[in-house]
Amino acid sequence: MLPEEMVLKLQHEKAELEQHLEQEQEFQVNKLMKKIKKLENDTISKQLTLEQLRREKIDLENTLEQEQEALVNRLWKRMDKLEAEKRILQEKLDQPVSAPPSPRDISMEIDSPENMMRHIRFLKNEVERLKKQLRAAQLQHSEKMAQYLEEERHMREENLRLQRKLQREMERREALCRQLSESESSLEMDDERYFNEMSAQGLRPRTVSSPIPYTPSPSSSRPISPGEYTFSATSVNDFWYI
């Protein structure tokens, strides 16, 4: 085989290898970019969900605080009313009898204390019921606060996991780019070493004024299989040992 043909063959194989490496690099880079984009979207979605949960938490705290304040105000009003009624009842019971009461007054005096005591018992029961409602509302508020804190902790852990995964994918992408760059540099060094060996043996390749354009066949558009890639590299190495 003539040196010119060998040079053309090597150039052809080099072009195929460069094309294969470029396609592989583009495929891997696109794949990594898709993963990175997906991770970024997931991170943004988690952050938006976390912000929404925080806003809902703040709204719930404000609502519970308002309900608690309203409940306490109602309780204090009822207690003030109860104290006022107790004072009025005590004043009526402590009033001296200035004149003989009429039968109607006697009947009213007999009935009024019972009604008042019944009303007092009702108010006491109402106060106890409101206190129970207040304790239940406080307990519910504490449970919801604990639930929101737990959800926020899970969201932070998920966000940290996604950030670490994104960092690993970026490091993997950088390592792949370095590996592809080293492969291209190795091919260029092999080509330069071949020309140096040819020059040392006194064989100078013919100067080509217009390079032959490389037109890939329909079958060359697919990625080179590992077997074909090994065969091409072996052919180049066998030629160097001739």
C-alpha atoms as a PDB file:
ATOM      1  CA  MET A   1       0.000   0.000   0.000  1.00  0.00           C
ATOM      2  CA  LEU A   2       1.359   3.410  -0.973  1.00  0.00           C
ATOM      3  CA  PRO A   3       2.136   5.980   1.698  1.00  0.00           C
ATOM      4  CA  GLU A   4      -0.398   8.382   0.190  1.00  0.00           C
ATOM      5  CA  GLU A   5      -3.115   5.746   0.442  1.00  0.00           C
ATOM      6  CA  MET A   6      -2.132   4.950   4.010  1.00  0.00           C
ATOM      7  CA  VAL A   7      -2.260   8.634   4.889  1.00  0.00           C
ATOM      8  CA  LEU A   8      -5.686   8.960   3.297  1.00  0.00           C
ATOM      9  CA  LYS A   9      -6.842   5.845   5.118  1.00  0.00           C
ATOM     10  CA  LEU A  10      -5.581   7.205   8.416  1.00  0.00           C
ATOM     11  CA  GLN A  11      -7.179  10.569   7.751  1.00  0.00           C
ATOM     12  CA  HIS A  12     -10.434   8.819   6.896  1.00  0.00           C
ATOM     13  CA  GLU A  13     -10.314   6.738  10.086  1.00  0.00           C
ATOM     14  CA  LYS A  14      -9.359   9.822  12.085  1.00  0.00           C
ATOM     15  CA  ALA A  15     -12.336  11.710  10.634  1.00  0.00           C
ATOM     16  CA  GLU A  16     -14.624   8.799  11.519  1.00  0.00           C
ATOM     17  CA  LEU A  17     -13.248   8.654  15.062  1.00  0.00           C
ATOM     18  CA  GLU A  18     -13.579  12.405  15.487  1.00  0.00           C
ATOM     19  CA  GLN A  19     -17.134  12.271  14.166  1.00  0.00           C
ATOM     20  CA  HIS A  20     -17.950   9.386  16.487  1.00  0.00           C
ATOM     21  CA  LEU A  21     -16.408  11.183  19.468  1.00  0.00           C
ATOM     22  CA  GLU A  22     -18.244  14.370  18.586  1.00  0.00           C
ATOM     23  CA  GLN A  23     -21.566  12.531  18.298  1.00  0.00           C
ATOM     24  CA  GLU A  24     -20.948  10.676  21.541  1.00  0.00           C
ATOM     25  CA  GLN A  25     -19.949  13.885  23.292  1.00  0.00           C
ATOM     26  CA  GLU A  26     -23.003  15.711  21.972  1.00  0.00           C
ATOM     27  CA  PHE A  27     -25.252  12.827  23.021  1.00  0.00           C
ATOM     28  CA  GLN A  28     -23.787  12.676  26.527  1.00  0.00           C
ATOM     29  CA  VAL A  29     -23.847  16.452  26.924  1.00  0.00           C
ATOM     30  CA  ASN A  30     -27.495  16.631  25.782  1.00  0.00           C
ATOM     31  CA  LYS A  31     -28.380  13.799  28.121  1.00  0.00           C
ATOM     32  CA  LEU A  32     -26.660  15.489  31.048  1.00  0.00           C
ATOM     33  CA  MET A  33     -28.224  18.845  30.197  1.00  0.00           C
ATOM     34  CA  LYS A  34     -31.677  17.225  30.206  1.00  0.00           C
ATOM     35  CA  LYS A  35     -30.980  15.670  33.593  1.00  0.00           C
ATOM     36  CA  ILE A  36     -29.653  18.950  34.955  1.00  0.00           C
ATOM     37  CA  LYS A  37     -32.683  20.825  33.581  1.00  0.00           C
ATOM     38  CA  LYS A  38     -35.013  18.282  35.138  1.00  0.00           C
ATOM     39  CA  LEU A  39     -33.235  18.546  38.482  1.00  0.00           C
ATOM     40  CA  GLU A  40     -33.390  22.335  38.314  1.00  0.00           C
ATOM     41  CA  ASN A  41     -37.131  22.179  37.561  1.00  0.00           C
ATOM     42  CA  ASP A  42     -37.649  19.734  40.434  1.00  0.00           C
ATOM     43  CA  THR A  43     -35.683  22.001  42.760  1.00  0.00           C
ATOM     44  CA  ILE A  44     -37.690  25.049  41.694  1.00  0.00           C
ATOM     45  CA  SER A  45     -40.941  23.104  42.125  1.00  0.00           C
ATOM     46  CA  LYS A  46     -39.908  21.965  45.598  1.00  0.00           C
ATOM     47  CA  GLN A  47     -38.938  25.496  46.547  1.00  0.00           C
ATOM     48  CA  LEU A  48     -42.281  26.843  45.312  1.00  0.00           C
ATOM     49  CA  THR A  49     -44.098  24.139  47.266  1.00  0.00           C
ATOM     50  CA  LEU A  50     -42.045  24.994  50.334  1.00  0.00           C
ATOM     51  CA  GLU A  51     -42.881  28.692  49.986  1.00  0.00           C
ATOM     52  CA  GLN A  52     -46.562  27.841  49.560  1.00  0.00           C
ATOM     53  CA  LEU A  53     -46.479  25.689  52.705  1.00  0.00           C
ATOM     54  CA  ARG A  54     -44.814  28.515  54.589  1.00  0.00           C
ATOM     55  CA  ARG A  55     -47.486  30.966  53.447  1.00  0.00           C
ATOM     56  CA  GLU A  56     -50.243  28.523  54.400  1.00  0.00           C
ATOM     57  CA  LYS A  57     -48.537  28.020  57.746  1.00  0.00           C
ATOM     58  CA  ILE A  58     -48.461  31.777  58.364  1.00  0.00           C
ATOM     59  CA  ASP A  59     -52.112  32.130  57.292  1.00  0.00           C
ATOM     60  CA  LEU A  60     -53.115  29.275  59.572  1.00  0.00           C
ATOM     61  CA  GLU A  61     -51.215  30.791  62.488  1.00  0.00           C
ATOM     62  CA  ASN A  62     -52.922  34.137  61.924  1.00  0.00           C
ATOM     63  CA  THR A  63     -56.341  32.486  61.648  1.00  0.00           C
ATOM     64  CA  LEU A  64     -55.816  30.419  64.785  1.00  0.00           C
ATOM     65  CA  GLU A  65     -54.534  33.460  66.641  1.00  0.00           C
ATOM     66  CA  GLN A  66     -57.591  35.474  65.621  1.00  0.00           C
ATOM     67  CA  GLU A  67     -59.948  32.640  66.592  1.00  0.00           C
ATOM     68  CA  GLN A  68     -58.149  32.192  69.889  1.00  0.00           C
ATOM     69  CA  GLU A  69     -58.319  35.918  70.602  1.00  0.00           C
ATOM     70  CA  ALA A  70     -62.018  36.031  69.734  1.00  0.00           C
ATOM     71  CA  LEU A  71     -62.674  33.003  71.937  1.00  0.00           C
ATOM     72  CA  VAL A  72     -60.796  34.547  74.847  1.00  0.00           C
ATOM     73  CA  ASN A  73     -62.693  37.821  74.420  1.00  0.00           C
ATOM     74  CA  ARG A  74     -66.003  35.958  74.435  1.00  0.00           C
ATOM     75  CA  LEU A  75     -64.929  34.086  77.538  1.00  0.00           C
ATOM     76  CA  TRP A  76     -63.937  37.249  79.358  1.00  0.00           C
ATOM     77  CA  LYS A  77     -67.214  38.953  78.412  1.00  0.00           C
ATOM     78  CA  ARG A  78     -69.238  36.012  79.717  1.00  0.00           C
ATOM     79  CA  MET A  79     -67.186  35.922  82.903  1.00  0.00           C
ATOM     80  CA  ASP A  80     -67.697  39.677  83.416  1.00  0.00           C
ATOM     81  CA  LYS A  81     -71.399  39.221  82.825  1.00  0.00           C
ATOM     82  CA  LEU A  82     -71.465  36.355  85.314  1.00  0.00           C
ATOM     83  CA  GLU A  83     -69.634  38.402  87.926  1.00  0.00           C
ATOM     84  CA  ALA A  84     -72.064  41.293  87.425  1.00  0.00           C
ATOM     85  CA  GLU A  85     -75.066  38.988  87.814  1.00  0.00           C
ATOM     86  CA  LYS A  86     -73.543  37.453  90.940  1.00  0.00           C
ATOM     87  CA  ARG A  87     -73.009  40.891  92.444  1.00  0.00           C
ATOM     88  CA  ILE A  88     -76.607  41.901  91.635  1.00  0.00           C
ATOM     89  CA  LEU A  89     -77.894  38.666  93.190  1.00  0.00           C
ATOM     90  CA  GLN A  90     -75.758  39.155  96.270  1.00  0.00           C
ATOM     91  CA  GLU A  91     -77.002  42.723  96.656  1.00  0.00           C
ATOM     92  CA  LYS A  92     -80.607  41.567  96.397  1.00  0.00           C
ATOM     93  CA  LEU A  93     -80.054  38.834  98.961  1.00  0.00           C
ATOM     94  CA  ASP A  94     -78.345  41.265 101.350  1.00  0.00           C
ATOM     95  CA  GLN A  95     -81.100  43.929 101.147  1.00  0.00           C
ATOM     96  CA  PRO A  96     -83.143  44.234 104.412  1.00  0.00           C
ATOM     97  CA  VAL A  97     -86.897  43.790 104.339  1.00  0.00           C
ATOM     98  CA  SER A  98     -88.435  47.269 104.858  1.00  0.00           C
ATOM     99  CA  ALA A  99     -92.069  46.297 104.632  1.00  0.00           C
ATOM    100  CA  PRO A 100     -94.156  43.186 104.712  1.00  0.00           C
ATOM    101  CA  PRO A 101     -93.983  41.722 101.272  1.00  0.00           C
ATOM    102  CA  SER A 102     -97.108  41.047  99.330  1.00  0.00           C
ATOM    103  CA  PRO A 103     -97.971  37.513  98.235  1.00  0.00           C
ATOM    104  CA  ARG A 104     -96.784  38.357  94.758  1.00  0.00           C
ATOM    105  CA  ASP A 105     -93.417  39.623  96.086  1.00  0.00           C
ATOM    106  CA  ILE A 106     -93.047  36.526  98.243  1.00  0.00           C
ATOM    107  CA  SER A 107     -93.665  34.330  95.216  1.00  0.00           C
ATOM    108  CA  MET A 108     -91.106  36.297  93.173  1.00  0.00           C
ATOM    109  CA  GLU A 109     -88.546  36.132  96.006  1.00  0.00           C
ATOM    110  CA  ILE A 110     -88.982  32.378  96.224  1.00  0.00           C
ATOM    111  CA  ASP A 111     -88.672  31.890  92.472  1.00  0.00           C
ATOM    112  CA  SER A 112     -85.966  34.428  91.694  1.00  0.00           C
ATOM    113  CA  PRO A 113     -83.067  32.829  93.638  1.00  0.00           C
ATOM    114  CA  GLU A 114     -83.677  29.447  92.047  1.00  0.00           C
ATOM    115  CA  ASN A 115     -83.790  30.973  88.607  1.00  0.00           C
ATOM    116  CA  MET A 116     -80.683  32.964  89.313  1.00  0.00           C
ATOM    117  CA  MET A 117     -78.814  29.945  90.677  1.00  0.00           C
ATOM    118  CA  ARG A 118     -79.898  27.941  87.662  1.00  0.00           C
ATOM    119  CA  HIS A 119     -78.648  30.703  85.406  1.00  0.00           C
ATOM    120  CA  ILE A 120     -75.370  30.843  87.337  1.00  0.00           C
ATOM    121  CA  ARG A 121     -74.897  27.105  86.892  1.00  0.00           C
ATOM    122  CA  PHE A 122     -75.612  27.497  83.189  1.00  0.00           C
ATOM    123  CA  LEU A 123     -73.026  30.252  82.900  1.00  0.00           C
ATOM    124  CA  LYS A 124     -70.458  28.156  84.769  1.00  0.00           C
ATOM    125  CA  ASN A 125     -71.072  25.252  82.429  1.00  0.00           C
ATOM    126  CA  GLU A 126     -70.728  27.602  79.477  1.00  0.00           C
ATOM    127  CA  VAL A 127     -67.407  28.861  80.848  1.00  0.00           C
ATOM    128  CA  GLU A 128     -66.155  25.285  81.229  1.00  0.00           C
ATOM    129  CA  ARG A 129     -67.260  24.459  77.689  1.00  0.00           C
ATOM    130  CA  LEU A 130     -65.442  27.497  76.304  1.00  0.00           C
ATOM    131  CA  LYS A 131     -62.323  26.551  78.251  1.00  0.00           C
ATOM    132  CA  LYS A 132     -62.455  23.070  76.741  1.00  0.00           C
ATOM    133  CA  GLN A 133     -62.852  24.560  73.277  1.00  0.00           C
ATOM    134  CA  LEU A 134     -59.857  26.804  73.922  1.00  0.00           C
ATOM    135  CA  ARG A 135     -57.711  23.863  75.049  1.00  0.00           C
ATOM    136  CA  ALA A 136     -58.814  21.814  72.033  1.00  0.00           C
ATOM    137  CA  ALA A 137     -57.988  24.699  69.675  1.00  0.00           C
ATOM    138  CA  GLN A 138     -54.555  25.101  71.277  1.00  0.00           C
ATOM    139  CA  LEU A 139     -53.901  21.357  70.976  1.00  0.00           C
ATOM    140  CA  GLN A 140     -54.987  21.364  67.328  1.00  0.00           C
ATOM    141  CA  HIS A 141     -52.769  24.364  66.679  1.00  0.00           C
ATOM    142  CA  SER A 142     -49.783  22.586  68.246  1.00  0.00           C
ATOM    143  CA  GLU A 143     -50.410  19.439  66.187  1.00  0.00           C
ATOM    144  CA  LYS A 144     -50.678  21.394  62.939  1.00  0.00           C
ATOM    145  CA  MET A 145     -47.538  23.358  63.780  1.00  0.00           C
ATOM    146  CA  ALA A 146     -45.655  20.096  64.371  1.00  0.00           C
ATOM    147  CA  GLN A 147     -47.005  18.701  61.092  1.00  0.00           C
ATOM    148  CA  TYR A 148     -45.917  21.769  59.137  1.00  0.00           C
ATOM    149  CA  LEU A 149     -42.479  21.704  60.748  1.00  0.00           C
ATOM    150  CA  GLU A 150     -42.099  18.038  59.793  1.00  0.00           C
ATOM    151  CA  GLU A 151     -43.176  18.744  56.208  1.00  0.00           C
ATOM    152  CA  GLU A 152     -40.747  21.660  56.041  1.00  0.00           C
ATOM    153  CA  ARG A 153     -37.938  19.412  57.291  1.00  0.00           C
ATOM    154  CA  HIS A 154     -38.760  16.793  54.645  1.00  0.00           C
ATOM    155  CA  MET A 155     -38.808  19.474  51.954  1.00  0.00           C
ATOM    156  CA  ARG A 156     -35.413  20.781  53.048  1.00  0.00           C
ATOM    157  CA  GLU A 157     -33.947  17.260  53.013  1.00  0.00           C
ATOM    158  CA  GLU A 158     -35.392  16.628  49.537  1.00  0.00           C
ATOM    159  CA  ASN A 159     -34.016  19.954  48.314  1.00  0.00           C
ATOM    160  CA  LEU A 160     -30.563  19.091  49.693  1.00  0.00           C
ATOM    161  CA  ARG A 161     -30.706  15.654  48.054  1.00  0.00           C
ATOM    162  CA  LEU A 162     -31.586  17.187  44.686  1.00  0.00           C
ATOM    163  CA  GLN A 163     -28.780  19.731  44.990  1.00  0.00           C
ATOM    164  CA  ARG A 164     -26.274  16.957  45.736  1.00  0.00           C
ATOM    165  CA  LYS A 165     -27.555  14.915  42.807  1.00  0.00           C
ATOM    166  CA  LEU A 166     -27.238  17.949  40.554  1.00  0.00           C
ATOM    167  CA  GLN A 167     -23.662  18.477  41.749  1.00  0.00           C
ATOM    168  CA  ARG A 168     -22.806  14.836  40.993  1.00  0.00           C
ATOM    169  CA  GLU A 169     -24.272  15.101  37.494  1.00  0.00           C
ATOM    170  CA  MET A 170     -22.273  18.269  36.816  1.00  0.00           C
ATOM    171  CA  GLU A 171     -19.062  16.600  38.040  1.00  0.00           C
ATOM    172  CA  ARG A 172     -19.820  13.599  35.857  1.00  0.00           C
ATOM    173  CA  ARG A 173     -20.339  15.862  32.881  1.00  0.00           C
ATOM    174  CA  GLU A 174     -17.027  17.642  33.502  1.00  0.00           C
ATOM    175  CA  ALA A 175     -15.212  14.295  33.818  1.00  0.00           C
ATOM    176  CA  LEU A 176     -16.739  13.105  30.537  1.00  0.00           C
ATOM    177  CA  CYS A 177     -15.699  16.316  28.780  1.00  0.00           C
ATOM    178  CA  ARG A 178     -12.147  15.923  30.099  1.00  0.00           C
ATOM    179  CA  GLN A 179     -12.070  12.309  28.939  1.00  0.00           C
ATOM    180  CA  LEU A 180     -13.258  13.236  25.458  1.00  0.00           C
ATOM    181  CA  SER A 181     -10.732  16.073  25.286  1.00  0.00           C
ATOM    182  CA  GLU A 182      -7.927  13.700  26.294  1.00  0.00           C
ATOM    183  CA  SER A 183      -9.065  11.226  23.621  1.00  0.00           C
ATOM    184  CA  GLU A 184      -8.933  13.931  20.953  1.00  0.00           C
ATOM    185  CA  SER A 185      -5.471  15.026  22.149  1.00  0.00           C
ATOM    186  CA  SER A 186      -4.273  11.414  22.031  1.00  0.00           C
ATOM    187  CA  LEU A 187      -5.471  11.071  18.429  1.00  0.00           C
ATOM    188  CA  GLU A 188      -3.676  14.250  17.426  1.00  0.00           C
ATOM    189  CA  MET A 189      -0.460  13.061  19.106  1.00  0.00           C
ATOM    190  CA  ASP A 190      -0.698   9.678  17.346  1.00  0.00           C
ATOM    191  CA  ASP A 191      -1.156  11.410  14.006  1.00  0.00           C
ATOM    192  CA  GLU A 192       1.815  13.683  14.668  1.00  0.00           C
ATOM    193  CA  ARG A 193       3.963  10.722  15.717  1.00  0.00           C
ATOM    194  CA  TYR A 194       3.045   8.910  12.504  1.00  0.00           C
ATOM    195  CA  PHE A 195       4.139  11.843  10.351  1.00  0.00           C
ATOM    196  CA  ASN A 196       7.366  12.114  12.330  1.00  0.00           C
ATOM    197  CA  GLU A 197       8.077   8.425  11.765  1.00  0.00           C
ATOM    198  CA  MET A 198       7.320   8.769   8.068  1.00  0.00           C
ATOM    199  CA  SER A 199       9.661  11.744   7.850  1.00  0.00           C
ATOM    200  CA  ALA A 200      12.398   9.837   9.713  1.00  0.00           C
ATOM    201  CA  GLN A 201      12.109   6.952   7.226  1.00  0.00           C
ATOM    202  CA  GLY A 202      12.522   9.323   4.298  1.00  0.00           C
ATOM    203  CA  LEU A 203       8.908   9.005   3.133  1.00  0.00           C
ATOM    204  CA  ARG A 204       7.205  12.351   2.717  1.00  0.00           C
ATOM    205  CA  PRO A 205       3.473  12.316   2.119  1.00  0.00           C
ATOM    206  CA  ARG A 206       2.247  14.013  -1.001  1.00  0.00           C
ATOM    207  CA  THR A 207       1.033  17.553  -0.529  1.00  0.00           C
ATOM    208  CA  VAL A 208      -2.651  17.739  -1.207  1.00  0.00           C
ATOM    209  CA  SER A 209      -3.668  21.150  -2.547  1.00  0.00           C
ATOM    210  CA  SER A 210      -7.380  20.555  -2.128  1.00  0.00           C
ATOM    211  CA  PRO A 211      -8.398  18.109   0.621  1.00  0.00           C
ATOM    212  CA  ILE A 212     -10.780  15.400  -0.407  1.00  0.00           C
ATOM    213  CA  PRO A 213     -14.138  16.157   1.194  1.00  0.00           C
ATOM    214  CA  TYR A 214     -15.433  13.497   3.462  1.00  0.00           C
ATOM    215  CA  THR A 215     -18.951  12.370   2.610  1.00  0.00           C
ATOM    216  CA  PRO A 216     -20.320   9.887   5.114  1.00  0.00           C
ATOM    217  CA  SER A 217     -22.244   6.973   3.707  1.00  0.00           C
ATOM    218  CA  PRO A 218     -25.802   6.313   4.887  1.00  0.00           C
ATOM    219  CA  SER A 219     -24.516   3.650   7.233  1.00  0.00           C
ATOM    220  CA  SER A 220     -21.929   5.976   8.801  1.00  0.00           C
ATOM    221  CA  SER A 221     -24.591   8.212  10.338  1.00  0.00           C
ATOM    222  CA  ARG A 222     -25.193   5.621  13.031  1.00  0.00           C
ATOM    223  CA  PRO A 223     -22.792   5.448  16.025  1.00  0.00           C
ATOM    224  CA  ILE A 224     -19.795   3.129  15.552  1.00  0.00           C
ATOM    225  CA  SER A 225     -20.214  -0.065  17.514  1.00  0.00           C
ATOM    226  CA  PRO A 226     -17.519  -1.142  19.999  1.00  0.00           C
ATOM    227  CA  GLY A 227     -16.415  -3.883  17.588  1.00  0.00           C
ATOM    228  CA  GLU A 228     -15.983  -1.487  14.660  1.00  0.00           C
ATOM    229  CA  TYR A 229     -14.160   1.011  16.882  1.00  0.00           C
ATOM    230  CA  THR A 230     -11.772  -1.726  18.095  1.00  0.00           C
ATOM    231  CA  PHE A 231     -11.169  -2.880  14.528  1.00  0.00           C
ATOM    232  CA  SER A 232     -10.322   0.651  13.366  1.00  0.00           C
ATOM    233  CA  ALA A 233      -7.931   1.250  16.265  1.00  0.00           C
ATOM    234  CA  THR A 234      -6.322  -2.164  15.690  1.00  0.00           C
ATOM    235  CA  SER A 235      -5.860  -1.417  11.996  1.00  0.00           C
ATOM    236  CA  VAL A 236      -4.077   1.845  12.841  1.00  0.00           C
ATOM    237  CA  ASN A 237      -1.831   0.130  15.382  1.00  0.00           C
ATOM    238  CA  ASP A 238      -1.024  -2.723  12.964  1.00  0.00           C
ATOM    239  CA  PHE A 239      -0.084  -0.185  10.316  1.00  0.00           C
ATOM    240  CA  TRP A 240       2.257   1.612  12.720  1.00  0.00           C
ATOM    241  CA  TYR A 241       4.066  -1.655  13.445  1.00  0.00           C
ATOM    242  CA  ILE A 242       4.695  -2.358   9.712  1.00  0.00           C
END
